[in-house]
Every structure is written in structure tokens, then in C-alpha cells.
């Protein structure tokens, strides 16, 4: 968790240290501000190593840059202008890599992941590969393309069933819910979105949740299988305070299928907790 206390920090001399998107999560362990969390994350940086950093807000970037300078590490920033989304749909997207100086041999490629933020994740990967190739590693462009085309990220904008259409996403904090809301608006704007929400009791996501609720036709609340879970009734009461929307309460998570909608323009979206989507994924696949 984080960086300083994370299992990844066991590596003494990494070829490349990668710092992805930083958001307010696990604050009880990592700190109550983005800058404190950034310091924890930056602690994976080792003396003299290369560091690839996902686009961050300025104050977060400064924390990481200062830490990298203290370690005499080389910082490589990802430039979002280097990627273009050519086309997209519910099953993936086609991207164009615009960095003419790349040594990867990659120009256009298919990505088997949904979400506009995944294009930036691809940039982070490509920047890392460029550094590794520069260090002498042999990485074939066909292998890179195949990896992007076949990659699976369980629980992140993942469609696990076609009829009825079911999408699960591990969004459980403010940033995650904002991204989910944006992606639903992009990929499923012509669908009737039926939200299935189950949360843990320690999450503060009211403002971000309202953004998501505005994209939805109705909501079913569930209780994740975890001791820290917020019960379905309490989640429903919270939703009613945030937005005027139809809410059904499903007390027994094993009975969620009773609320699924299977019309040609319906999509059932599950989010709010990794424990929730793990349970749903297992039940749907059984």
C-alpha cells in the first residue's frame, strides 16, 4: 500500500520506478492530503533510477520531483498530447501514439480496455518500454501490440455478461467514481444505466456520487460481503439525500439478479467496492 510501506519497495535497484495516478484513498495509512500520499508513493524511488510519472496535479508533481532530485533519479513525465483516441466502443478502443521519437515501433494499436484514462495508462507503459529499450532490453513491437490488444483488467470497466449487459467497476473513491461517470457518459450515453451500488462505511464520496447518479435511470443498493460494509438501507438513505432518483434496496446480495434489466438499451453497472464486484463477478460466472 502506498510506496514507502508497499511490497514493491522490496526491490533495491529497480530498472524503472513508475508512479501512476494519485488520489485520496487509504488516508488513514497514507496521509490526509494528496501531497502526503505523494510522498509515500515517491518512496519507491531509489538512488539513480529512472522514474516514470503519470500526469499529476502540480503540487503532487512537485513532491515527486523534489524526492527524485534528492535521490539523483531521472524523472520522465508522460505527455497526454502524445496519444489520440481514434475510435472507441463498448469492447475497446483504437489509439494513435504520436511520439515521433519513440524507439518502440508503435504508431496505431488496439486496446482491449474501456476508459479514456486507459489511454494515459498506455502512455505510461510506452514511456517505460522506451526506457527499457534504451537500457538494452529487446522488446518487439508486435509483442507490445498483442499485449495491448489482449490485456484484461478485472474489475475495471469490465463487461462480464452480454445479456443482460453487466459492467463491473472497482470505483470506490471520489476519483474512481468521477472516472466511471465520465466513461459511462462516453461509452454508454445512449443506454439506460441501472446502477448497483455497495459501499464500505469509511468512504466519503457524496459529490462524486452525485455526478454518477445524474447518468443513471435508477439505483439498487447492496451490502458488500465485508465487516466494514455500509448496509444497503443506509446507502439508500444517503442516495436519497444526494439526488432524487428511484432506489431499490436489495438486502441479500445473492438476489441481485432479480433487479437486472435486459432490454437492448439497458446496462447494469456495479460499483462502490472491490468486495462487491468480486462477489458479483463470482456469482455471474458460476
C-alpha atoms as a PDB file:
ATOM      1  CA  UNK A   1       0.000   0.000   0.000  1.00  0.00           C
ATOM      2  CA  UNK A   2       1.362   3.395  -0.938  1.00  0.00           C
ATOM      3  CA  UNK A   3       5.077   3.238  -1.697  1.00  0.00           C
ATOM      4  CA  UNK A   4       7.254   3.519   1.393  1.00  0.00           C
ATOM      5  CA  UNK A   5       5.492   0.582   3.057  1.00  0.00           C
ATOM      6  CA  UNK A   6       4.465  -1.208  -0.138  1.00  0.00           C
ATOM      7  CA  UNK A   7       5.663  -4.658  -1.179  1.00  0.00           C
ATOM      8  CA  UNK A   8       7.101  -3.162  -4.379  1.00  0.00           C
ATOM      9  CA  UNK A   9       9.651  -1.343  -2.242  1.00  0.00           C
ATOM     10  CA  UNK A  10      11.498  -4.594  -1.574  1.00  0.00           C
ATOM     11  CA  UNK A  11      13.414  -4.070  -4.855  1.00  0.00           C
ATOM     12  CA  UNK A  12      16.682  -2.300  -4.063  1.00  0.00           C
ATOM     13  CA  UNK A  13      17.684  -1.281  -7.599  1.00  0.00           C
ATOM     14  CA  UNK A  14      14.665  -1.104  -9.935  1.00  0.00           C
ATOM     15  CA  UNK A  15      15.233  -0.562 -13.642  1.00  0.00           C
ATOM     16  CA  UNK A  16      12.310   1.865 -13.623  1.00  0.00           C
ATOM     17  CA  UNK A  17      10.068   3.194 -10.851  1.00  0.00           C
ATOM     18  CA  UNK A  18       6.541   4.010 -12.026  1.00  0.00           C
ATOM     19  CA  UNK A  19       4.136   6.284 -10.186  1.00  0.00           C
ATOM     20  CA  UNK A  20       0.589   6.168 -11.524  1.00  0.00           C
ATOM     21  CA  UNK A  21      -2.440   8.322 -10.728  1.00  0.00           C
ATOM     22  CA  UNK A  22      -2.556   9.554  -7.124  1.00  0.00           C
ATOM     23  CA  UNK A  23      -5.876  10.135  -5.379  1.00  0.00           C
ATOM     24  CA  UNK A  24      -7.278  10.377  -1.859  1.00  0.00           C
ATOM     25  CA  UNK A  25      -7.573   6.777  -0.724  1.00  0.00           C
ATOM     26  CA  UNK A  26      -6.432   4.801   2.332  1.00  0.00           C
ATOM     27  CA  UNK A  27      -5.916   8.159   4.040  1.00  0.00           C
ATOM     28  CA  UNK A  28      -5.681   6.530   7.464  1.00  0.00           C
ATOM     29  CA  UNK A  29      -2.435   4.898   6.332  1.00  0.00           C
ATOM     30  CA  UNK A  30      -1.004   7.211   3.664  1.00  0.00           C
ATOM     31  CA  UNK A  31      -1.960  10.691   4.840  1.00  0.00           C
ATOM     32  CA  UNK A  32      -4.891  13.071   4.653  1.00  0.00           C
ATOM     33  CA  UNK A  33      -3.692  15.184   1.712  1.00  0.00           C
ATOM     34  CA  UNK A  34      -2.631  14.352  -1.832  1.00  0.00           C
ATOM     35  CA  UNK A  35       0.819  15.774  -1.086  1.00  0.00           C
ATOM     36  CA  UNK A  36       1.330  13.445   1.894  1.00  0.00           C
ATOM     37  CA  UNK A  37       0.160  10.497  -0.183  1.00  0.00           C
ATOM     38  CA  UNK A  38       2.508  11.572  -2.990  1.00  0.00           C
ATOM     39  CA  UNK A  39       5.447  11.485  -0.580  1.00  0.00           C
ATOM     40  CA  UNK A  40       4.531   7.925   0.427  1.00  0.00           C
ATOM     41  CA  UNK A  41       4.270   6.919  -3.232  1.00  0.00           C
ATOM     42  CA  UNK A  42       7.549   8.623  -4.134  1.00  0.00           C
ATOM     43  CA  UNK A  43       9.352   6.459  -1.604  1.00  0.00           C
ATOM     44  CA  UNK A  44       9.704   3.694  -4.207  1.00  0.00           C
ATOM     45  CA  UNK A  45      12.273   5.928  -5.952  1.00  0.00           C
ATOM     46  CA  UNK A  46      15.801   4.606  -5.429  1.00  0.00           C
ATOM     47  CA  UNK A  47      19.123   6.432  -5.926  1.00  0.00           C
ATOM     48  CA  UNK A  48      19.942   6.968  -9.593  1.00  0.00           C
ATOM     49  CA  UNK A  49      16.943   5.131 -11.016  1.00  0.00           C
ATOM     50  CA  UNK A  50      14.618   6.212 -13.832  1.00  0.00           C
ATOM     51  CA  UNK A  51      11.154   7.358 -12.771  1.00  0.00           C
ATOM     52  CA  UNK A  52       8.066   7.454 -14.996  1.00  0.00           C
ATOM     53  CA  UNK A  53       5.287   9.638 -13.639  1.00  0.00           C
ATOM     54  CA  UNK A  54       1.652   9.681 -14.706  1.00  0.00           C
ATOM     55  CA  UNK A  55       0.199  13.222 -15.145  1.00  0.00           C
ATOM     56  CA  UNK A  56      -0.453  14.717 -11.695  1.00  0.00           C
ATOM     57  CA  UNK A  57      -1.719  17.987 -10.264  1.00  0.00           C
ATOM     58  CA  UNK A  58       1.113  20.499  -9.865  1.00  0.00           C
ATOM     59  CA  UNK A  59       1.554  20.219  -6.089  1.00  0.00           C
ATOM     60  CA  UNK A  60       1.730  16.421  -6.310  1.00  0.00           C
ATOM     61  CA  UNK A  61       4.219  16.574  -9.171  1.00  0.00           C
ATOM     62  CA  UNK A  62       6.443  18.933  -7.165  1.00  0.00           C
ATOM     63  CA  UNK A  63       6.570  16.500  -4.230  1.00  0.00           C
ATOM     64  CA  UNK A  64       7.649  13.659  -6.517  1.00  0.00           C
ATOM     65  CA  UNK A  65      10.108  15.833  -8.444  1.00  0.00           C
ATOM     66  CA  UNK A  66      11.791  17.022  -5.247  1.00  0.00           C
ATOM     67  CA  UNK A  67      12.069  13.464  -3.945  1.00  0.00           C
ATOM     68  CA  UNK A  68      13.536  12.310  -7.265  1.00  0.00           C
ATOM     69  CA  UNK A  69      16.069  15.140  -7.189  1.00  0.00           C
ATOM     70  CA  UNK A  70      17.155  14.152  -3.677  1.00  0.00           C
ATOM     71  CA  UNK A  71      17.789  10.629  -4.961  1.00  0.00           C
ATOM     72  CA  UNK A  72      19.557  11.846  -8.136  1.00  0.00           C
ATOM     73  CA  UNK A  73      16.885   9.983 -10.089  1.00  0.00           C
ATOM     74  CA  UNK A  74      15.873  10.830 -13.664  1.00  0.00           C
ATOM     75  CA  UNK A  75      12.245  11.896 -13.975  1.00  0.00           C
ATOM     76  CA  UNK A  76      10.267  11.102 -17.150  1.00  0.00           C
ATOM     77  CA  UNK A  77       6.878  12.836 -17.402  1.00  0.00           C
ATOM     78  CA  UNK A  78       4.064  11.438 -19.519  1.00  0.00           C
ATOM     79  CA  UNK A  79       2.681  13.923 -22.067  1.00  0.00           C
ATOM     80  CA  UNK A  80      -1.023  13.406 -22.765  1.00  0.00           C
ATOM     81  CA  UNK A  81      -0.562  15.140 -26.135  1.00  0.00           C
ATOM     82  CA  UNK A  82       1.299  12.025 -27.297  1.00  0.00           C
ATOM     83  CA  UNK A  83      -1.851   9.885 -27.508  1.00  0.00           C
ATOM     84  CA  UNK A  84      -5.016  10.208 -29.566  1.00  0.00           C
ATOM     85  CA  UNK A  85      -8.189   8.127 -29.297  1.00  0.00           C
ATOM     86  CA  UNK A  86      -9.067   7.295 -32.913  1.00  0.00           C
ATOM     87  CA  UNK A  87     -12.213   5.287 -32.206  1.00  0.00           C
ATOM     88  CA  UNK A  88     -13.897   3.527 -29.316  1.00  0.00           C
ATOM     89  CA  UNK A  89     -16.826   1.324 -28.414  1.00  0.00           C
ATOM     90  CA  UNK A  90     -18.121  -0.900 -25.612  1.00  0.00           C
ATOM     91  CA  UNK A  91     -15.493  -3.550 -26.406  1.00  0.00           C
ATOM     92  CA  UNK A  92     -12.352  -1.410 -26.582  1.00  0.00           C
ATOM     93  CA  UNK A  93     -10.644   1.411 -28.429  1.00  0.00           C
ATOM     94  CA  UNK A  94      -8.132   2.217 -31.150  1.00  0.00           C
ATOM     95  CA  UNK A  95      -5.306   4.583 -30.240  1.00  0.00           C
ATOM     96  CA  UNK A  96      -2.617   6.518 -32.083  1.00  0.00           C
ATOM     97  CA  UNK A  97       0.790   7.084 -30.471  1.00  0.00           C
ATOM     98  CA  UNK A  98       2.076  10.464 -31.642  1.00  0.00           C
ATOM     99  CA  UNK A  99       5.603  10.458 -30.207  1.00  0.00           C
ATOM    100  CA  UNK A 100       7.729  10.527 -33.372  1.00  0.00           C
ATOM    101  CA  UNK A 101      10.914   9.924 -31.359  1.00  0.00           C
ATOM    102  CA  UNK A 102       9.746   6.613 -29.910  1.00  0.00           C
ATOM    103  CA  UNK A 103      12.003   3.558 -30.204  1.00  0.00           C
ATOM    104  CA  UNK A 104       9.102   1.131 -29.745  1.00  0.00           C
ATOM    105  CA  UNK A 105       7.935   0.968 -33.361  1.00  0.00           C
ATOM    106  CA  UNK A 106       4.399   1.681 -32.156  1.00  0.00           C
ATOM    107  CA  UNK A 107       2.104   4.039 -34.023  1.00  0.00           C
ATOM    108  CA  UNK A 108      -1.511   2.863 -34.036  1.00  0.00           C
ATOM    109  CA  UNK A 109      -2.764  -0.002 -31.878  1.00  0.00           C
ATOM    110  CA  UNK A 110      -5.875  -1.569 -30.362  1.00  0.00           C
ATOM    111  CA  UNK A 111      -6.562  -1.540 -26.634  1.00  0.00           C
ATOM    112  CA  UNK A 112      -8.796  -4.146 -25.030  1.00  0.00           C
ATOM    113  CA  UNK A 113      -9.786  -1.816 -22.176  1.00  0.00           C
ATOM    114  CA  UNK A 114     -12.552   0.726 -21.755  1.00  0.00           C
ATOM    115  CA  UNK A 115     -11.992   4.163 -20.270  1.00  0.00           C
ATOM    116  CA  UNK A 116     -10.359   7.312 -21.608  1.00  0.00           C
ATOM    117  CA  UNK A 117      -7.893   7.238 -18.697  1.00  0.00           C
ATOM    118  CA  UNK A 118      -6.601   3.907 -20.003  1.00  0.00           C
ATOM    119  CA  UNK A 119      -5.081   5.743 -22.962  1.00  0.00           C
ATOM    120  CA  UNK A 120      -2.925   7.674 -20.480  1.00  0.00           C
ATOM    121  CA  UNK A 121      -2.040   4.415 -18.753  1.00  0.00           C
ATOM    122  CA  UNK A 122      -0.864   3.187 -22.170  1.00  0.00           C
ATOM    123  CA  UNK A 123       1.351   6.261 -22.441  1.00  0.00           C
ATOM    124  CA  UNK A 124       2.867   5.393 -19.077  1.00  0.00           C
ATOM    125  CA  UNK A 125       3.559   1.858 -20.284  1.00  0.00           C
ATOM    126  CA  UNK A 126       5.070   3.043 -23.578  1.00  0.00           C
ATOM    127  CA  UNK A 127       7.326   5.542 -21.810  1.00  0.00           C
ATOM    128  CA  UNK A 128       8.539   2.742 -19.539  1.00  0.00           C
ATOM    129  CA  UNK A 129       9.178   0.439 -22.504  1.00  0.00           C
ATOM    130  CA  UNK A 130      11.168   3.179 -24.238  1.00  0.00           C
ATOM    131  CA  UNK A 131      13.422   3.459 -21.186  1.00  0.00           C
ATOM    132  CA  UNK A 132      13.903  -0.313 -21.016  1.00  0.00           C
ATOM    133  CA  UNK A 133      14.754  -0.496 -24.735  1.00  0.00           C
ATOM    134  CA  UNK A 134      17.246   2.298 -24.159  1.00  0.00           C
ATOM    135  CA  UNK A 135      18.847   0.151 -21.468  1.00  0.00           C
ATOM    136  CA  UNK A 136      19.312  -2.695 -23.942  1.00  0.00           C
ATOM    137  CA  UNK A 137      16.182  -4.775 -23.427  1.00  0.00           C
ATOM    138  CA  UNK A 138      14.815  -6.399 -26.597  1.00  0.00           C
ATOM    139  CA  UNK A 139      11.076  -5.723 -26.755  1.00  0.00           C
ATOM    140  CA  UNK A 140       9.377  -6.469 -30.076  1.00  0.00           C
ATOM    141  CA  UNK A 141       6.683  -4.079 -31.315  1.00  0.00           C
ATOM    142  CA  UNK A 142       4.406  -6.999 -32.244  1.00  0.00           C
ATOM    143  CA  UNK A 143       4.551  -8.199 -28.651  1.00  0.00           C
ATOM    144  CA  UNK A 144       3.632  -4.723 -27.414  1.00  0.00           C
ATOM    145  CA  UNK A 145       0.635  -4.578 -29.773  1.00  0.00           C
ATOM    146  CA  UNK A 146      -0.502  -8.054 -28.729  1.00  0.00           C
ATOM    147  CA  UNK A 147      -0.253  -7.097 -25.057  1.00  0.00           C
ATOM    148  CA  UNK A 148      -2.455  -4.027 -25.537  1.00  0.00           C
ATOM    149  CA  UNK A 149      -4.937  -5.965 -27.681  1.00  0.00           C
ATOM    150  CA  UNK A 150      -5.355  -8.824 -25.211  1.00  0.00           C
ATOM    151  CA  UNK A 151      -4.848  -7.147 -21.832  1.00  0.00           C
ATOM    152  CA  UNK A 152      -7.544  -7.806 -19.231  1.00  0.00           C
ATOM    153  CA  UNK A 153      -8.033  -5.642 -16.142  1.00  0.00           C
ATOM    154  CA  UNK A 154     -10.515  -7.453 -13.939  1.00  0.00           C
ATOM    155  CA  UNK A 155     -12.989  -5.174 -12.244  1.00  0.00           C
ATOM    156  CA  UNK A 156     -12.150  -2.005 -14.160  1.00  0.00           C
ATOM    157  CA  UNK A 157     -14.826  -1.061 -16.720  1.00  0.00           C
ATOM    158  CA  UNK A 158     -15.160  -4.808 -17.276  1.00  0.00           C
ATOM    159  CA  UNK A 159     -18.131  -6.285 -19.115  1.00  0.00           C
ATOM    160  CA  UNK A 160     -18.773  -9.710 -17.569  1.00  0.00           C
ATOM    161  CA  UNK A 161     -22.057 -10.563 -19.271  1.00  0.00           C
ATOM    162  CA  UNK A 162     -23.736  -9.603 -22.547  1.00  0.00           C
ATOM    163  CA  UNK A 163     -27.400 -10.451 -21.946  1.00  0.00           C
ATOM    164  CA  UNK A 164     -28.284  -8.871 -19.660  1.00  0.00           C
ATOM    165  CA  UNK A 165     -25.421  -6.428 -20.159  1.00  0.00           C
ATOM    166  CA  UNK A 166     -23.413  -6.226 -16.917  1.00  0.00           C
ATOM    167  CA  UNK A 167     -20.433  -3.970 -16.293  1.00  0.00           C
ATOM    168  CA  UNK A 168     -18.406  -4.015 -13.077  1.00  0.00           C
ATOM    169  CA  UNK A 169     -16.001  -1.321 -11.946  1.00  0.00           C
ATOM    170  CA  UNK A 170     -13.970  -1.135  -8.755  1.00  0.00           C
ATOM    171  CA  UNK A 171     -14.598   2.605  -8.349  1.00  0.00           C
ATOM    172  CA  UNK A 172     -14.826   3.222  -4.607  1.00  0.00           C
ATOM    173  CA  UNK A 173     -13.327   6.670  -4.061  1.00  0.00           C
ATOM    174  CA  UNK A 174     -14.012  10.147  -5.436  1.00  0.00           C
ATOM    175  CA  UNK A 175     -11.593   9.943  -8.362  1.00  0.00           C
ATOM    176  CA  UNK A 176     -12.771   6.478  -9.351  1.00  0.00           C
ATOM    177  CA  UNK A 177     -16.429   7.483  -9.359  1.00  0.00           C
ATOM    178  CA  UNK A 178     -15.674  10.596 -11.395  1.00  0.00           C
ATOM    179  CA  UNK A 179     -13.879   8.495 -13.999  1.00  0.00           C
ATOM    180  CA  UNK A 180     -16.679   5.956 -14.063  1.00  0.00           C
ATOM    181  CA  UNK A 181     -19.205   8.750 -14.563  1.00  0.00           C
ATOM    182  CA  UNK A 182     -17.165  10.199 -17.438  1.00  0.00           C
ATOM    183  CA  UNK A 183     -16.716   6.801 -19.069  1.00  0.00           C
ATOM    184  CA  UNK A 184     -20.402   5.944 -18.853  1.00  0.00           C
ATOM    185  CA  UNK A 185     -21.170   9.281 -20.486  1.00  0.00           C
ATOM    186  CA  UNK A 186     -18.674   8.499 -23.253  1.00  0.00           C
ATOM    187  CA  UNK A 187     -19.224   4.807 -23.956  1.00  0.00           C
ATOM    188  CA  UNK A 188     -22.851   4.260 -22.921  1.00  0.00           C
ATOM    189  CA  UNK A 189     -24.546   7.626 -23.412  1.00  0.00           C
ATOM    190  CA  UNK A 190     -27.412   6.027 -25.371  1.00  0.00           C
ATOM    191  CA  UNK A 191     -28.089   3.342 -22.751  1.00  0.00           C
ATOM    192  CA  UNK A 192     -30.450   3.185 -19.795  1.00  0.00           C
ATOM    193  CA  UNK A 193     -27.968   2.939 -16.923  1.00  0.00           C
ATOM    194  CA  UNK A 194     -29.102   0.915 -13.909  1.00  0.00           C
ATOM    195  CA  UNK A 195     -26.670   1.423 -11.042  1.00  0.00           C
ATOM    196  CA  UNK A 196     -25.990  -1.270  -8.436  1.00  0.00           C
ATOM    197  CA  UNK A 197     -24.110   0.323  -5.542  1.00  0.00           C
ATOM    198  CA  UNK A 198     -22.493  -1.260  -2.494  1.00  0.00           C
ATOM    199  CA  UNK A 199     -20.003   0.592  -0.318  1.00  0.00           C
ATOM    200  CA  UNK A 200     -17.819   0.341   2.747  1.00  0.00           C
ATOM    201  CA  UNK A 201     -18.734   2.592   5.650  1.00  0.00           C
ATOM    202  CA  UNK A 202     -15.493   4.606   5.621  1.00  0.00           C
ATOM    203  CA  UNK A 203     -15.869   6.156   2.158  1.00  0.00           C
ATOM    204  CA  UNK A 204     -16.768   9.850   1.676  1.00  0.00           C
ATOM    205  CA  UNK A 205     -17.903  10.181  -1.927  1.00  0.00           C
ATOM    206  CA  UNK A 206     -21.076  12.290  -1.877  1.00  0.00           C
ATOM    207  CA  UNK A 207     -20.154  14.905  -4.514  1.00  0.00           C
ATOM    208  CA  UNK A 208     -18.615  12.398  -6.908  1.00  0.00           C
ATOM    209  CA  UNK A 209     -21.526  10.021  -6.446  1.00  0.00           C
ATOM    210  CA  UNK A 210     -23.987  12.717  -7.500  1.00  0.00           C
ATOM    211  CA  UNK A 211     -22.118  13.086 -10.809  1.00  0.00           C
ATOM    212  CA  UNK A 212     -22.641   9.373 -11.393  1.00  0.00           C
ATOM    213  CA  UNK A 213     -26.281   9.364 -10.281  1.00  0.00           C
ATOM    214  CA  UNK A 214     -27.080  12.025 -12.870  1.00  0.00           C
ATOM    215  CA  UNK A 215     -26.138   9.478 -15.560  1.00  0.00           C
ATOM    216  CA  UNK A 216     -28.416   6.760 -14.129  1.00  0.00           C
ATOM    217  CA  UNK A 217     -32.079   5.841 -14.505  1.00  0.00           C
ATOM    218  CA  UNK A 218     -32.353   4.111 -11.127  1.00  0.00           C
ATOM    219  CA  UNK A 219     -30.289   2.531  -8.344  1.00  0.00           C
ATOM    220  CA  UNK A 220     -30.214  -0.764  -6.481  1.00  0.00           C
ATOM    221  CA  UNK A 221     -28.305  -0.677  -3.188  1.00  0.00           C
ATOM    222  CA  UNK A 222     -26.443  -3.732  -1.920  1.00  0.00           C
ATOM    223  CA  UNK A 223     -24.427  -4.702   1.151  1.00  0.00           C
ATOM    224  CA  UNK A 224     -20.891  -5.889   0.243  1.00  0.00           C
ATOM    225  CA  UNK A 225     -19.660  -9.022   1.979  1.00  0.00           C
ATOM    226  CA  UNK A 226     -17.255  -7.301   4.362  1.00  0.00           C
ATOM    227  CA  UNK A 227     -17.404  -6.408   8.087  1.00  0.00           C
ATOM    228  CA  UNK A 228     -16.885  -2.717   7.231  1.00  0.00           C
ATOM    229  CA  UNK A 229     -19.740  -2.653   4.731  1.00  0.00           C
ATOM    230  CA  UNK A 230     -22.383   0.057   4.770  1.00  0.00           C
ATOM    231  CA  UNK A 231     -25.742  -1.711   4.795  1.00  0.00           C
ATOM    232  CA  UNK A 232     -27.962  -1.420   1.737  1.00  0.00           C
ATOM    233  CA  UNK A 233     -30.586   0.576   3.658  1.00  0.00           C
ATOM    234  CA  UNK A 234     -28.074   3.200   4.839  1.00  0.00           C
ATOM    235  CA  UNK A 235     -26.663   3.518   1.326  1.00  0.00           C
ATOM    236  CA  UNK A 236     -30.180   4.074   0.002  1.00  0.00           C
ATOM    237  CA  UNK A 237     -30.825   6.815   2.587  1.00  0.00           C
ATOM    238  CA  UNK A 238     -27.555   8.502   1.626  1.00  0.00           C
ATOM    239  CA  UNK A 239     -28.517   8.449  -2.063  1.00  0.00           C
ATOM    240  CA  UNK A 240     -31.936   9.980  -1.356  1.00  0.00           C
ATOM    241  CA  UNK A 241     -30.205  12.902   0.381  1.00  0.00           C
ATOM    242  CA  UNK A 242     -27.943  13.448  -2.628  1.00  0.00           C
ATOM    243  CA  UNK A 243     -30.281  13.061  -5.601  1.00  0.00           C
ATOM    244  CA  UNK A 244     -33.945  12.461  -6.379  1.00  0.00           C
ATOM    245  CA  UNK A 245     -33.803   9.057  -8.066  1.00  0.00           C
ATOM    246  CA  UNK A 246     -35.663   5.764  -7.776  1.00  0.00           C
ATOM    247  CA  UNK A 247     -33.863   3.467  -5.309  1.00  0.00           C
ATOM    248  CA  UNK A 248     -34.472  -0.220  -4.619  1.00  0.00           C
ATOM    249  CA  UNK A 249     -32.897  -1.919  -1.597  1.00  0.00           C
ATOM    250  CA  UNK A 250     -31.564  -5.452  -2.079  1.00  0.00           C
ATOM    251  CA  UNK A 251     -30.794  -6.783   1.406  1.00  0.00           C
ATOM    252  CA  UNK A 252     -29.496 -10.139   0.152  1.00  0.00           C
ATOM    253  CA  UNK A 253     -26.631  -9.726  -2.319  1.00  0.00           C
ATOM    254  CA  UNK A 254     -27.254 -13.214  -3.722  1.00  0.00           C
ATOM    255  CA  UNK A 255     -30.631 -11.966  -5.003  1.00  0.00           C
ATOM    256  CA  UNK A 256     -29.246  -9.117  -7.114  1.00  0.00           C
ATOM    257  CA  UNK A 257     -30.271 -10.811 -10.376  1.00  0.00           C
ATOM    258  CA  UNK A 258     -33.934 -10.057  -9.615  1.00  0.00           C
ATOM    259  CA  UNK A 259     -33.189  -6.407 -10.345  1.00  0.00           C
ATOM    260  CA  UNK A 260     -31.229  -6.829 -13.584  1.00  0.00           C
ATOM    261  CA  UNK A 261     -32.626  -5.167 -16.701  1.00  0.00           C
ATOM    262  CA  UNK A 262     -32.177  -6.974 -20.025  1.00  0.00           C
ATOM    263  CA  UNK A 263     -33.540  -4.616 -22.667  1.00  0.00           C
ATOM    264  CA  UNK A 264     -31.467  -3.883 -25.806  1.00  0.00           C
ATOM    265  CA  UNK A 265     -30.532  -0.444 -24.432  1.00  0.00           C
ATOM    266  CA  UNK A 266     -30.080  -1.394 -20.776  1.00  0.00           C
ATOM    267  CA  UNK A 267     -26.771  -1.671 -18.948  1.00  0.00           C
ATOM    268  CA  UNK A 268     -26.376  -2.795 -15.343  1.00  0.00           C
ATOM    269  CA  UNK A 269     -23.395  -1.116 -13.675  1.00  0.00           C
ATOM    270  CA  UNK A 270     -21.971  -2.430 -10.392  1.00  0.00           C
ATOM    271  CA  UNK A 271     -19.545  -0.296  -8.371  1.00  0.00           C
ATOM    272  CA  UNK A 272     -18.687   1.115  -4.941  1.00  0.00           C
ATOM    273  CA  UNK A 273     -16.451  -1.599  -3.520  1.00  0.00           C
ATOM    274  CA  UNK A 274     -13.932  -4.152  -4.737  1.00  0.00           C
ATOM    275  CA  UNK A 275     -15.581  -6.635  -2.375  1.00  0.00           C
ATOM    276  CA  UNK A 276     -18.910  -6.032  -4.081  1.00  0.00           C
ATOM    277  CA  UNK A 277     -17.712  -6.505  -7.636  1.00  0.00           C
ATOM    278  CA  UNK A 278     -15.702  -9.562  -6.598  1.00  0.00           C
ATOM    279  CA  UNK A 279     -18.879 -11.183  -5.288  1.00  0.00           C
ATOM    280  CA  UNK A 280     -20.887 -10.225  -8.365  1.00  0.00           C
ATOM    281  CA  UNK A 281     -18.184 -11.474 -10.711  1.00  0.00           C
ATOM    282  CA  UNK A 282     -18.119 -14.840  -8.962  1.00  0.00           C
ATOM    283  CA  UNK A 283     -21.899 -15.221  -8.952  1.00  0.00           C
ATOM    284  CA  UNK A 284     -22.294 -14.283 -12.618  1.00  0.00           C
ATOM    285  CA  UNK A 285     -19.552 -16.688 -13.696  1.00  0.00           C
ATOM    286  CA  UNK A 286     -20.949 -19.630 -11.700  1.00  0.00           C
END
